[in-house]
Each structure stands twice: as structure tokens, then as C-alpha cells.
């Protein structure tokens, strides 16, 4: 029986060695799997971190650009409002100027300028209020233009050439220059 006990002991020893070997293999596999899992999780975390950072940067850039665009829109709306207001003030000033005594001298200068361009024989269209100024200068008058703030519309005797020196036309021809000037002033503030 002693041999049988030795044999059983040997089988149990081998079984214990194999169990330890399996436990060691299992422990190594667990460690390897844990490291692979940790590595995969770290890679995913880094990937999602980069992706999140990229998305947040894009969103930030989009928000900043939208804010800039909104600010520009507000600025241009303000400039446009100020321009409308400024042009109204200019027209009011022109209308007020047409009531002043200096206006008579301006009309005379306009007539002399028109003569230098169209010749001495001209027909002048103006406001009904301005006809006496033309009579003083012995200038032929045409149809009155009462839908103007002031100034004159002159034409040669033949009616083939015309020179519009009404306040509205002078303002219209200088409108782009005035707008550029105003945009520079308003945008610079």
C-alpha cells in the first residue's frame, strides 16, 4: 500500500503543479487581458478626447464667426440708420439754406456756371420762389420745378443739352463720396 500511497501522492503533486501552472497561466492571461483592455480604453479615451477637442474648436470657431457676423450686421445696420439720418439732416440743411439770403448768390453762381458749360443763351428751370433772381439777371425761365429743395436745371436754347444743378441731383452725384466718408467715420468710432 505504500506504493499506492506514493503513487497517489505523486498524482496529487502533479495535479497541484498543473493547477498552479494553470493558475499562473490564468493570472498571466488576466494580466495580459487587463493590459490590453487598459490600452484599448486609453486609446479610445485619447481618440475621443481629440475628437471632442476638435469638435469644441469647430463649435467655438463657428460661434466666434457667428458673433463677428452678427456684430458686423449690427454695425452696418447702425451705419445705414445713421446714413439715413445724416442724409435727412443734409436735406433739411439744404432746405434751410434755400431760405437764407446767401442762397441768392449761390443761384447766381450756378447760372454763371451753367452759362460757361452750355453757352450764354440758356433757359433755367427753378422753384417758383427763385424766378425773381432769374428776372434780375435777365435769364429766360422755363417750367417751374417745385419738387426740389433748391438749385436750378439749365438747358441750352435749343434744348439739346441740360445741366442739372438741383440740390437733389448734386446730393445724388456726391452720394457715394458722402457714404464712403460716413462709413469711415462711423466704422472708425
N, C-alpha and C. Protein backbone atom coordinates (compact mmCIF):
# COMPACT_ATOMS: atom_id res chain seq x y z
N UNK A 1 0.78 -1.16 0.00
CA UNK A 1 0.00 0.00 0.00
C UNK A 1 0.84 1.25 0.00
N UNK A 2 1.96 1.11 0.48
CA UNK A 2 2.84 2.24 0.49
C UNK A 2 3.10 2.73 -0.93
N UNK A 3 3.19 1.77 -1.83
CA UNK A 3 3.42 2.17 -3.21
C UNK A 3 2.20 2.89 -3.74
N UNK A 4 1.09 2.40 -3.34
CA UNK A 4 -0.14 3.03 -3.81
C UNK A 4 -0.23 4.44 -3.23
N UNK A 5 0.15 4.60 -1.99
CA UNK A 5 0.13 5.93 -1.37
C UNK A 5 1.11 6.86 -2.08
N UNK A 6 2.26 6.33 -2.43
CA UNK A 6 3.28 7.14 -3.12
C UNK A 6 2.72 7.54 -4.49
N UNK A 7 2.09 6.57 -5.13
CA UNK A 7 1.54 6.83 -6.46
C UNK A 7 0.44 7.90 -6.38
N UNK A 8 -0.42 7.78 -5.39
CA UNK A 8 -1.50 8.75 -5.18
C UNK A 8 -0.89 10.12 -4.84
N UNK A 9 0.13 10.08 -4.01
CA UNK A 9 0.80 11.34 -3.63
C UNK A 9 1.42 11.98 -4.86
N UNK A 10 2.01 11.17 -5.71
CA UNK A 10 2.65 11.68 -6.92
C UNK A 10 1.59 12.28 -7.85
N UNK A 11 0.45 11.61 -7.95
CA UNK A 11 -0.64 12.13 -8.79
C UNK A 11 -1.15 13.45 -8.22
N UNK A 12 -1.30 13.50 -6.92
CA UNK A 12 -1.78 14.74 -6.30
C UNK A 12 -0.76 15.85 -6.46
N UNK A 13 0.54 15.53 -6.35
CA UNK A 13 1.59 16.54 -6.55
C UNK A 13 1.55 17.07 -8.00
N UNK A 14 1.42 16.13 -8.94
CA UNK A 14 1.36 16.54 -10.34
C UNK A 14 0.11 17.38 -10.57
N UNK A 15 -0.99 16.98 -9.97
CA UNK A 15 -2.23 17.72 -10.11
C UNK A 15 -2.06 19.12 -9.52
N UNK A 16 -1.42 19.25 -8.39
CA UNK A 16 -1.18 20.56 -7.77
C UNK A 16 -0.27 21.41 -8.65
N UNK A 17 0.78 20.78 -9.24
CA UNK A 17 1.67 21.52 -10.13
C UNK A 17 0.89 22.02 -11.35
N UNK A 18 0.08 21.13 -11.90
CA UNK A 18 -0.70 21.52 -13.07
C UNK A 18 -1.71 22.62 -12.72
N UNK A 19 -2.29 22.51 -11.54
CA UNK A 19 -3.25 23.56 -11.08
C UNK A 19 -2.51 24.88 -10.92
N UNK A 20 -1.30 24.83 -10.29
CA UNK A 20 -0.50 26.06 -10.12
C UNK A 20 -0.11 26.63 -11.49
N UNK A 21 0.28 25.72 -12.40
CA UNK A 21 0.65 26.15 -13.75
C UNK A 21 -0.56 26.78 -14.43
N UNK A 22 -1.72 26.15 -14.29
CA UNK A 22 -2.95 26.72 -14.86
C UNK A 22 -3.30 28.05 -14.18
N UNK A 23 -3.13 28.12 -12.87
CA UNK A 23 -3.40 29.37 -12.14
C UNK A 23 -2.44 30.46 -12.60
N UNK A 24 -1.14 30.09 -12.76
CA UNK A 24 -0.16 31.07 -13.24
C UNK A 24 -0.50 31.53 -14.67
N UNK A 25 -0.85 30.57 -15.52
CA UNK A 25 -1.24 30.90 -16.90
C UNK A 25 -2.47 31.79 -16.88
N UNK A 26 -3.44 31.42 -16.03
CA UNK A 26 -4.65 32.23 -15.90
C UNK A 26 -4.32 33.63 -15.43
N UNK A 27 -3.45 33.74 -14.43
CA UNK A 27 -3.05 35.05 -13.90
C UNK A 27 -2.36 35.87 -14.99
N UNK A 28 -1.47 35.23 -15.77
CA UNK A 28 -0.77 35.92 -16.85
C UNK A 28 -1.77 36.39 -17.92
N UNK A 29 -2.72 35.50 -18.26
CA UNK A 29 -3.73 35.87 -19.26
C UNK A 29 -4.59 37.02 -18.75
N UNK A 30 -4.97 36.94 -17.44
CA UNK A 30 -5.76 38.03 -16.85
C UNK A 30 -4.99 39.35 -16.92
N UNK A 31 -3.69 39.30 -16.57
CA UNK A 31 -2.84 40.49 -16.62
C UNK A 31 -2.75 41.01 -18.04
N UNK A 32 -2.53 40.09 -18.99
CA UNK A 32 -2.41 40.47 -20.41
C UNK A 32 -3.71 41.10 -20.90
N UNK A 33 -4.84 40.46 -20.55
CA UNK A 33 -6.16 40.98 -20.96
C UNK A 33 -6.40 42.34 -20.30
N UNK A 34 -6.06 42.48 -19.03
CA UNK A 34 -6.24 43.75 -18.33
C UNK A 34 -5.40 44.84 -18.99
N UNK A 35 -4.14 44.50 -19.38
CA UNK A 35 -3.29 45.48 -20.04
C UNK A 35 -3.85 45.86 -21.41
N UNK A 36 -4.33 44.85 -22.17
CA UNK A 36 -4.92 45.13 -23.47
C UNK A 36 -6.16 46.01 -23.31
N UNK A 37 -6.98 45.65 -22.29
CA UNK A 37 -8.19 46.43 -22.03
C UNK A 37 -7.82 47.86 -21.66
N UNK A 38 -6.86 48.02 -20.77
CA UNK A 38 -6.41 49.34 -20.34
C UNK A 38 -5.86 50.13 -21.52
N UNK A 39 -5.08 49.47 -22.38
CA UNK A 39 -4.50 50.11 -23.56
C UNK A 39 -5.61 50.55 -24.52
N UNK A 40 -6.58 49.65 -24.76
CA UNK A 40 -7.70 49.97 -25.66
C UNK A 40 -8.53 51.13 -25.11
N UNK A 41 -8.79 51.07 -23.80
CA UNK A 41 -9.56 52.15 -23.16
C UNK A 41 -8.80 53.47 -23.27
N UNK A 42 -7.48 53.45 -23.06
CA UNK A 42 -6.65 54.65 -23.15
C UNK A 42 -6.67 55.21 -24.58
N UNK A 43 -6.54 54.30 -25.57
CA UNK A 43 -6.59 54.74 -26.97
C UNK A 43 -7.94 55.38 -27.28
N UNK A 44 -9.02 54.73 -26.84
CA UNK A 44 -10.35 55.28 -27.07
C UNK A 44 -10.51 56.63 -26.37
N UNK A 45 -10.02 56.71 -25.13
CA UNK A 45 -10.11 57.97 -24.39
C UNK A 45 -9.36 59.07 -25.14
N UNK A 46 -8.15 58.77 -25.61
CA UNK A 46 -7.36 59.75 -26.35
C UNK A 46 -8.07 60.14 -27.65
N UNK A 47 -8.59 59.14 -28.34
CA UNK A 47 -9.30 59.39 -29.60
C UNK A 47 -10.50 60.30 -29.37
N UNK A 48 -11.31 59.96 -28.36
CA UNK A 48 -12.49 60.77 -28.09
C UNK A 48 -12.12 62.14 -27.53
N UNK A 49 -11.02 62.20 -26.81
CA UNK A 49 -10.55 63.49 -26.29
C UNK A 49 -10.16 64.40 -27.46
N UNK A 50 -9.41 63.85 -28.42
CA UNK A 50 -9.01 64.61 -29.61
C UNK A 50 -10.25 65.02 -30.41
N UNK A 51 -11.17 64.06 -30.57
CA UNK A 51 -12.39 64.33 -31.32
C UNK A 51 -13.22 65.40 -30.61
N UNK A 52 -13.33 65.30 -29.31
CA UNK A 52 -14.08 66.30 -28.54
C UNK A 52 -13.42 67.67 -28.64
N UNK A 53 -12.10 67.68 -28.57
CA UNK A 53 -11.37 68.95 -28.66
C UNK A 53 -11.57 69.57 -30.05
N UNK A 54 -11.50 68.74 -31.09
CA UNK A 54 -11.69 69.21 -32.46
C UNK A 54 -13.10 69.76 -32.63
N UNK A 55 -14.08 69.00 -32.13
CA UNK A 55 -15.47 69.46 -32.24
C UNK A 55 -15.68 70.76 -31.47
N UNK A 56 -15.09 70.84 -30.29
CA UNK A 56 -15.27 72.05 -29.49
C UNK A 56 -14.59 73.24 -30.16
N UNK A 57 -13.44 73.00 -30.79
CA UNK A 57 -12.75 74.08 -31.50
C UNK A 57 -13.58 74.54 -32.70
N UNK A 58 -14.15 73.56 -33.43
CA UNK A 58 -15.00 73.92 -34.56
C UNK A 58 -16.22 74.70 -34.09
N UNK A 59 -16.83 74.23 -33.02
CA UNK A 59 -18.00 74.92 -32.48
C UNK A 59 -17.63 76.31 -31.98
N UNK A 60 -16.49 76.41 -31.33
CA UNK A 60 -16.01 77.71 -30.85
C UNK A 60 -15.80 78.65 -32.04
N UNK A 61 -15.14 78.14 -33.09
CA UNK A 61 -14.89 78.95 -34.29
C UNK A 61 -16.21 79.37 -34.93
N UNK A 62 -17.17 78.43 -34.98
CA UNK A 62 -18.47 78.76 -35.55
C UNK A 62 -19.17 79.85 -34.73
N UNK A 63 -19.11 79.71 -33.42
CA UNK A 63 -19.75 80.70 -32.54
C UNK A 63 -19.07 82.06 -32.69
N UNK A 64 -17.74 82.06 -32.73
CA UNK A 64 -17.00 83.32 -32.88
C UNK A 64 -17.34 83.97 -34.22
N UNK A 65 -17.35 83.18 -35.30
CA UNK A 65 -17.67 83.74 -36.62
C UNK A 65 -19.11 84.25 -36.65
N UNK A 66 -20.01 83.52 -36.04
CA UNK A 66 -21.41 83.97 -35.98
C UNK A 66 -21.51 85.28 -35.20
N UNK A 67 -20.76 85.38 -34.13
CA UNK A 67 -20.76 86.62 -33.33
C UNK A 67 -20.16 87.77 -34.13
N UNK A 68 -19.08 87.50 -34.86
CA UNK A 68 -18.47 88.55 -35.70
C UNK A 68 -19.46 89.00 -36.77
N UNK A 69 -20.11 88.03 -37.40
CA UNK A 69 -21.08 88.35 -38.44
C UNK A 69 -22.23 89.17 -37.86
N UNK A 70 -22.68 88.76 -36.70
CA UNK A 70 -23.76 89.49 -36.04
C UNK A 70 -23.32 90.91 -35.69
N UNK A 71 -22.10 91.05 -35.21
CA UNK A 71 -21.57 92.38 -34.88
C UNK A 71 -21.47 93.24 -36.13
N UNK A 72 -21.00 92.64 -37.24
CA UNK A 72 -20.91 93.40 -38.49
C UNK A 72 -22.30 93.82 -38.96
N UNK A 73 -23.26 92.91 -38.83
CA UNK A 73 -24.62 93.21 -39.24
C UNK A 73 -25.16 94.38 -38.42
N UNK A 74 -24.93 94.33 -37.12
CA UNK A 74 -25.38 95.42 -36.25
C UNK A 74 -24.68 96.71 -36.64
N UNK A 75 -23.37 96.63 -36.90
CA UNK A 75 -22.61 97.82 -37.29
C UNK A 75 -23.16 98.40 -38.58
N UNK A 76 -23.40 97.55 -39.59
CA UNK A 76 -23.90 98.06 -40.87
C UNK A 76 -25.32 98.58 -40.75
N UNK A 77 -26.13 97.95 -39.91
CA UNK A 77 -27.48 98.47 -39.68
C UNK A 77 -27.41 99.84 -39.02
N UNK A 78 -26.49 99.96 -38.07
CA UNK A 78 -26.30 101.25 -37.39
C UNK A 78 -25.80 102.30 -38.37
N UNK A 79 -24.82 101.91 -39.18
CA UNK A 79 -24.29 102.84 -40.18
C UNK A 79 -25.39 103.25 -41.14
N UNK A 80 -26.18 102.28 -41.59
CA UNK A 80 -27.27 102.58 -42.53
C UNK A 80 -28.28 103.54 -41.88
N UNK A 81 -28.62 103.26 -40.64
CA UNK A 81 -29.55 104.13 -39.92
C UNK A 81 -28.96 105.53 -39.77
N UNK A 82 -27.67 105.57 -39.40
CA UNK A 82 -27.01 106.87 -39.27
C UNK A 82 -26.92 107.59 -40.61
N UNK A 83 -26.69 106.84 -41.69
CA UNK A 83 -26.63 107.46 -43.02
C UNK A 83 -27.98 108.06 -43.38
N UNK A 84 -29.04 107.28 -43.17
CA UNK A 84 -30.38 107.79 -43.47
C UNK A 84 -30.63 109.07 -42.67
N UNK A 85 -30.27 109.02 -41.40
CA UNK A 85 -30.44 110.18 -40.54
C UNK A 85 -29.59 111.35 -41.03
N UNK A 86 -28.35 111.04 -41.42
CA UNK A 86 -27.44 112.08 -41.88
C UNK A 86 -27.94 112.70 -43.18
N UNK A 87 -28.42 111.87 -44.11
CA UNK A 87 -28.95 112.41 -45.37
C UNK A 87 -30.20 113.25 -45.12
N UNK A 88 -31.00 112.86 -44.15
CA UNK A 88 -32.17 113.67 -43.82
C UNK A 88 -31.72 115.02 -43.27
N UNK A 89 -30.69 115.00 -42.41
CA UNK A 89 -30.16 116.25 -41.86
C UNK A 89 -29.59 117.12 -42.99
N UNK A 90 -28.87 116.49 -43.92
CA UNK A 90 -28.30 117.24 -45.05
C UNK A 90 -29.42 117.89 -45.87
N UNK A 91 -30.46 117.12 -46.16
CA UNK A 91 -31.59 117.66 -46.93
C UNK A 91 -32.28 118.79 -46.16
N UNK A 92 -32.44 118.61 -44.85
CA UNK A 92 -33.04 119.67 -44.03
C UNK A 92 -32.18 120.93 -44.06
N UNK A 93 -30.86 120.74 -44.00
CA UNK A 93 -29.95 121.88 -44.06
C UNK A 93 -30.01 122.57 -45.42
N UNK A 94 -30.12 121.77 -46.49
CA UNK A 94 -30.23 122.35 -47.84
C UNK A 94 -31.52 123.16 -47.96
N UNK A 95 -32.60 122.60 -47.44
CA UNK A 95 -33.88 123.30 -47.47
C UNK A 95 -33.80 124.59 -46.66
N UNK A 96 -33.16 124.53 -45.52
CA UNK A 96 -32.99 125.71 -44.68
C UNK A 96 -32.10 126.75 -45.39
N UNK A 97 -31.03 126.25 -46.04
CA UNK A 97 -30.12 127.15 -46.75
C UNK A 97 -30.84 127.89 -47.88
N UNK A 98 -31.77 127.20 -48.54
CA UNK A 98 -32.50 127.80 -49.66
C UNK A 98 -33.40 128.95 -49.19
N UNK A 99 -33.58 129.09 -47.90
CA UNK A 99 -34.40 130.18 -47.35
C UNK A 99 -33.54 131.39 -46.95
N UNK A 100 -32.23 131.20 -46.94
CA UNK A 100 -31.32 132.25 -46.47
C UNK A 100 -30.94 133.20 -47.60
N UNK A 101 -30.52 134.42 -47.26
CA UNK A 101 -30.11 135.40 -48.27
C UNK A 101 -28.90 134.93 -49.11
N UNK A 102 -28.01 134.13 -48.53
CA UNK A 102 -26.83 133.66 -49.27
C UNK A 102 -27.22 132.76 -50.44
N UNK A 103 -28.40 132.18 -50.36
CA UNK A 103 -28.86 131.27 -51.41
C UNK A 103 -28.93 131.99 -52.76
N UNK A 104 -29.33 133.26 -52.73
CA UNK A 104 -29.44 134.05 -53.96
C UNK A 104 -28.08 134.09 -54.68
N UNK A 105 -27.00 134.28 -53.93
CA UNK A 105 -25.66 134.30 -54.52
C UNK A 105 -25.30 132.94 -55.12
N UNK A 106 -25.72 131.86 -54.46
CA UNK A 106 -25.45 130.52 -54.97
C UNK A 106 -26.17 130.30 -56.30
N UNK A 107 -27.42 130.74 -56.39
CA UNK A 107 -28.18 130.60 -57.64
C UNK A 107 -27.47 131.36 -58.76
N UNK A 108 -26.98 132.56 -58.46
CA UNK A 108 -26.26 133.35 -59.47
C UNK A 108 -24.99 132.62 -59.92
N UNK A 109 -24.28 132.02 -58.97
CA UNK A 109 -23.07 131.25 -59.33
C UNK A 109 -23.44 130.04 -60.18
N UNK A 110 -24.54 129.38 -59.84
CA UNK A 110 -25.00 128.23 -60.63
C UNK A 110 -25.33 128.66 -62.06
N UNK A 111 -26.00 129.80 -62.21
CA UNK A 111 -26.35 130.31 -63.54
C UNK A 111 -25.09 130.62 -64.33
N UNK A 112 -24.13 131.30 -63.72
CA UNK A 112 -22.87 131.61 -64.40
C UNK A 112 -22.13 130.32 -64.79
N UNK A 113 -22.15 129.34 -63.93
CA UNK A 113 -21.51 128.06 -64.24
C UNK A 113 -22.21 127.38 -65.42
N UNK A 114 -23.55 127.38 -65.38
CA UNK A 114 -24.33 126.79 -66.47
C UNK A 114 -24.03 127.49 -67.79
N UNK A 115 -23.90 128.83 -67.76
CA UNK A 115 -23.56 129.58 -68.98
C UNK A 115 -22.18 129.17 -69.50
N UNK A 116 -21.23 128.92 -68.58
CA UNK A 116 -19.89 128.54 -69.02
C UNK A 116 -19.88 127.15 -69.66
N UNK A 117 -20.84 126.32 -69.32
CA UNK A 117 -20.92 124.97 -69.87
C UNK A 117 -21.82 124.93 -71.11
N UNK A 118 -22.98 125.59 -71.04
CA UNK A 118 -23.99 125.48 -72.09
C UNK A 118 -24.01 126.67 -73.06
N UNK A 119 -23.32 127.73 -72.74
CA UNK A 119 -23.35 128.94 -73.57
C UNK A 119 -24.18 130.02 -72.87
N UNK A 120 -24.10 131.23 -73.39
CA UNK A 120 -24.77 132.37 -72.73
C UNK A 120 -26.28 132.33 -72.85
N UNK A 121 -26.80 131.73 -73.92
CA UNK A 121 -28.24 131.67 -74.13
C UNK A 121 -28.77 130.39 -73.47
N UNK A 122 -29.29 130.51 -72.25
CA UNK A 122 -29.81 129.33 -71.54
C UNK A 122 -31.23 129.58 -71.07
N UNK A 123 -31.91 128.48 -70.84
CA UNK A 123 -33.23 128.51 -70.22
C UNK A 123 -33.07 127.80 -68.88
N UNK A 124 -33.58 128.44 -67.83
CA UNK A 124 -33.40 127.89 -66.49
C UNK A 124 -34.76 127.53 -65.90
N UNK A 125 -34.81 126.32 -65.38
CA UNK A 125 -35.99 125.84 -64.64
C UNK A 125 -35.61 125.88 -63.17
N UNK A 126 -36.49 126.43 -62.35
CA UNK A 126 -36.19 126.55 -60.92
C UNK A 126 -37.49 126.57 -60.13
N UNK A 127 -37.36 126.71 -58.83
CA UNK A 127 -38.54 126.83 -57.98
C UNK A 127 -39.23 128.16 -58.29
N UNK A 128 -40.50 128.21 -58.08
CA UNK A 128 -41.25 129.45 -58.31
C UNK A 128 -40.68 130.58 -57.46
N UNK A 129 -40.23 130.25 -56.25
CA UNK A 129 -39.65 131.26 -55.35
C UNK A 129 -38.39 131.89 -55.92
N UNK A 130 -37.68 131.15 -56.82
CA UNK A 130 -36.40 131.62 -57.33
C UNK A 130 -36.51 132.41 -58.63
N UNK A 131 -37.69 132.47 -59.23
CA UNK A 131 -37.88 133.18 -60.50
C UNK A 131 -37.43 134.64 -60.42
N UNK A 132 -37.70 135.37 -59.32
CA UNK A 132 -37.24 136.77 -59.26
C UNK A 132 -35.71 136.91 -59.40
N UNK A 133 -34.97 135.95 -58.91
CA UNK A 133 -33.50 136.01 -59.04
C UNK A 133 -33.14 135.95 -60.53
N UNK A 134 -33.81 135.08 -61.28
CA UNK A 134 -33.54 134.94 -62.71
C UNK A 134 -33.94 136.21 -63.46
N UNK A 135 -35.06 136.81 -63.07
CA UNK A 135 -35.53 138.05 -63.72
C UNK A 135 -34.48 139.15 -63.54
N UNK A 136 -33.89 139.22 -62.34
CA UNK A 136 -32.84 140.23 -62.08
C UNK A 136 -31.67 140.06 -63.05
N UNK A 137 -31.38 138.83 -63.42
CA UNK A 137 -30.23 138.53 -64.28
C UNK A 137 -30.62 138.44 -65.76
N UNK A 138 -31.88 138.74 -66.08
CA UNK A 138 -32.39 138.65 -67.45
C UNK A 138 -32.17 137.26 -68.05
N UNK A 139 -32.52 136.25 -67.29
CA UNK A 139 -32.38 134.86 -67.72
C UNK A 139 -33.76 134.33 -68.08
N UNK A 140 -33.86 133.65 -69.20
CA UNK A 140 -35.13 133.05 -69.61
C UNK A 140 -35.48 131.92 -68.64
N UNK A 141 -36.76 131.93 -68.27
CA UNK A 141 -37.19 130.88 -67.33
C UNK A 141 -38.04 129.87 -68.07
N UNK A 142 -37.91 128.64 -67.61
CA UNK A 142 -38.70 127.55 -68.19
C UNK A 142 -39.78 127.14 -67.21
N UNK A 143 -40.22 125.95 -67.34
CA UNK A 143 -41.25 125.41 -66.46
C UNK A 143 -40.73 125.36 -65.03
N UNK A 144 -41.52 125.85 -64.08
CA UNK A 144 -41.07 125.78 -62.68
C UNK A 144 -40.94 124.32 -62.21
N UNK A 145 -39.95 124.07 -61.36
CA UNK A 145 -39.82 122.76 -60.73
C UNK A 145 -39.97 122.95 -59.22
N UNK A 146 -41.12 122.60 -58.75
CA UNK A 146 -41.41 122.85 -57.33
C UNK A 146 -41.14 121.64 -56.45
N UNK A 147 -40.72 120.52 -57.04
CA UNK A 147 -40.43 119.34 -56.24
C UNK A 147 -38.93 119.22 -55.96
N UNK A 148 -38.30 120.36 -55.76
CA UNK A 148 -36.87 120.39 -55.45
C UNK A 148 -36.64 121.25 -54.21
N UNK A 149 -35.54 120.96 -53.53
CA UNK A 149 -35.18 121.75 -52.34
C UNK A 149 -34.58 123.09 -52.74
N UNK A 150 -33.96 123.11 -53.91
CA UNK A 150 -33.32 124.33 -54.39
C UNK A 150 -32.40 124.01 -55.54
N UNK A 151 -31.77 125.05 -56.07
CA UNK A 151 -30.87 124.87 -57.20
C UNK A 151 -31.61 125.11 -58.50
N UNK A 152 -30.93 124.81 -59.62
CA UNK A 152 -31.52 125.07 -60.93
C UNK A 152 -31.32 123.87 -61.87
N UNK A 153 -32.12 123.89 -62.93
CA UNK A 153 -31.95 122.95 -64.03
C UNK A 153 -31.84 123.84 -65.27
N UNK A 154 -30.66 123.84 -65.88
CA UNK A 154 -30.43 124.73 -67.03
C UNK A 154 -30.32 123.89 -68.30
N UNK A 155 -30.78 124.52 -69.42
CA UNK A 155 -30.63 123.87 -70.73
C UNK A 155 -30.26 124.92 -71.75
N UNK A 156 -29.60 124.48 -72.83
CA UNK A 156 -29.26 125.45 -73.88
C UNK A 156 -30.54 125.84 -74.61
N UNK A 157 -30.47 126.92 -75.42
CA UNK A 157 -31.65 127.46 -76.10
C UNK A 157 -32.33 126.40 -76.97
N UNK A 158 -31.52 125.53 -77.59
CA UNK A 158 -32.07 124.52 -78.49
C UNK A 158 -32.73 123.37 -77.71
N UNK A 159 -32.42 123.25 -76.43
CA UNK A 159 -32.97 122.16 -75.62
C UNK A 159 -32.26 120.83 -75.85
N UNK A 160 -31.04 120.88 -76.40
CA UNK A 160 -30.31 119.64 -76.70
C UNK A 160 -29.35 119.23 -75.59
N UNK A 161 -29.01 120.17 -74.74
CA UNK A 161 -28.10 119.87 -73.62
C UNK A 161 -28.70 120.43 -72.34
N UNK A 162 -28.45 119.72 -71.26
CA UNK A 162 -29.03 120.15 -69.99
C UNK A 162 -28.00 119.95 -68.88
N UNK A 163 -28.09 120.79 -67.87
CA UNK A 163 -27.21 120.70 -66.71
C UNK A 163 -28.09 120.79 -65.47
N UNK A 164 -28.12 119.70 -64.71
CA UNK A 164 -28.97 119.62 -63.51
C UNK A 164 -28.13 120.00 -62.30
N UNK A 165 -28.41 121.16 -61.76
CA UNK A 165 -27.72 121.65 -60.55
C UNK A 165 -28.70 121.77 -59.38
N UNK A 166 -29.75 120.95 -59.39
CA UNK A 166 -30.67 120.96 -58.25
C UNK A 166 -29.96 120.33 -57.06
N UNK A 167 -30.37 120.72 -55.88
CA UNK A 167 -29.75 120.16 -54.67
C UNK A 167 -29.83 118.64 -54.65
N UNK A 168 -30.98 118.09 -55.08
CA UNK A 168 -31.14 116.64 -55.07
C UNK A 168 -30.13 115.96 -55.98
N UNK A 169 -29.95 116.54 -57.19
CA UNK A 169 -29.02 115.94 -58.14
C UNK A 169 -27.57 116.09 -57.66
N UNK A 170 -27.25 117.23 -57.09
CA UNK A 170 -25.90 117.42 -56.55
C UNK A 170 -25.64 116.42 -55.41
N UNK A 171 -26.63 116.22 -54.57
CA UNK A 171 -26.50 115.26 -53.48
C UNK A 171 -26.39 113.83 -54.03
N UNK A 172 -27.20 113.52 -55.05
CA UNK A 172 -27.16 112.18 -55.65
C UNK A 172 -25.80 111.90 -56.30
N UNK A 173 -25.23 112.88 -56.99
CA UNK A 173 -23.94 112.65 -57.66
C UNK A 173 -22.80 112.54 -56.66
N UNK A 174 -22.96 113.10 -55.50
CA UNK A 174 -21.92 113.01 -54.47
C UNK A 174 -22.25 111.98 -53.39
N UNK A 175 -23.36 111.25 -53.59
CA UNK A 175 -23.83 110.30 -52.57
C UNK A 175 -22.78 109.25 -52.22
N UNK A 176 -22.13 108.66 -53.23
CA UNK A 176 -21.12 107.63 -52.96
C UNK A 176 -19.96 108.19 -52.14
N UNK A 177 -19.52 109.40 -52.49
CA UNK A 177 -18.43 110.03 -51.72
C UNK A 177 -18.86 110.30 -50.28
N UNK A 178 -20.09 110.75 -50.14
CA UNK A 178 -20.62 111.05 -48.78
C UNK A 178 -20.74 109.76 -47.99
N UNK A 179 -21.27 108.71 -48.63
CA UNK A 179 -21.42 107.43 -47.94
C UNK A 179 -20.06 106.87 -47.52
N UNK A 180 -19.08 106.94 -48.41
CA UNK A 180 -17.73 106.46 -48.07
C UNK A 180 -17.18 107.23 -46.87
N UNK A 181 -17.35 108.53 -46.91
CA UNK A 181 -16.88 109.37 -45.81
C UNK A 181 -17.58 108.99 -44.51
N UNK A 182 -18.90 108.80 -44.59
CA UNK A 182 -19.66 108.46 -43.38
C UNK A 182 -19.30 107.08 -42.86
N UNK A 183 -19.12 106.12 -43.76
CA UNK A 183 -18.74 104.77 -43.32
C UNK A 183 -17.40 104.82 -42.60
N UNK A 184 -16.46 105.57 -43.13
CA UNK A 184 -15.16 105.70 -42.47
C UNK A 184 -15.33 106.32 -41.08
N UNK A 185 -16.15 107.34 -40.98
CA UNK A 185 -16.35 108.00 -39.69
C UNK A 185 -17.09 107.10 -38.70
N UNK A 186 -18.17 106.46 -39.18
CA UNK A 186 -18.96 105.62 -38.28
C UNK A 186 -18.21 104.35 -37.90
N UNK A 187 -17.54 103.72 -38.86
CA UNK A 187 -16.82 102.47 -38.58
C UNK A 187 -15.58 102.74 -37.72
N UNK A 188 -15.06 103.94 -37.82
CA UNK A 188 -13.86 104.28 -37.05
C UNK A 188 -14.17 104.54 -35.58
N UNK A 189 -15.42 104.74 -35.26
CA UNK A 189 -15.80 105.05 -33.87
C UNK A 189 -15.83 103.81 -33.04
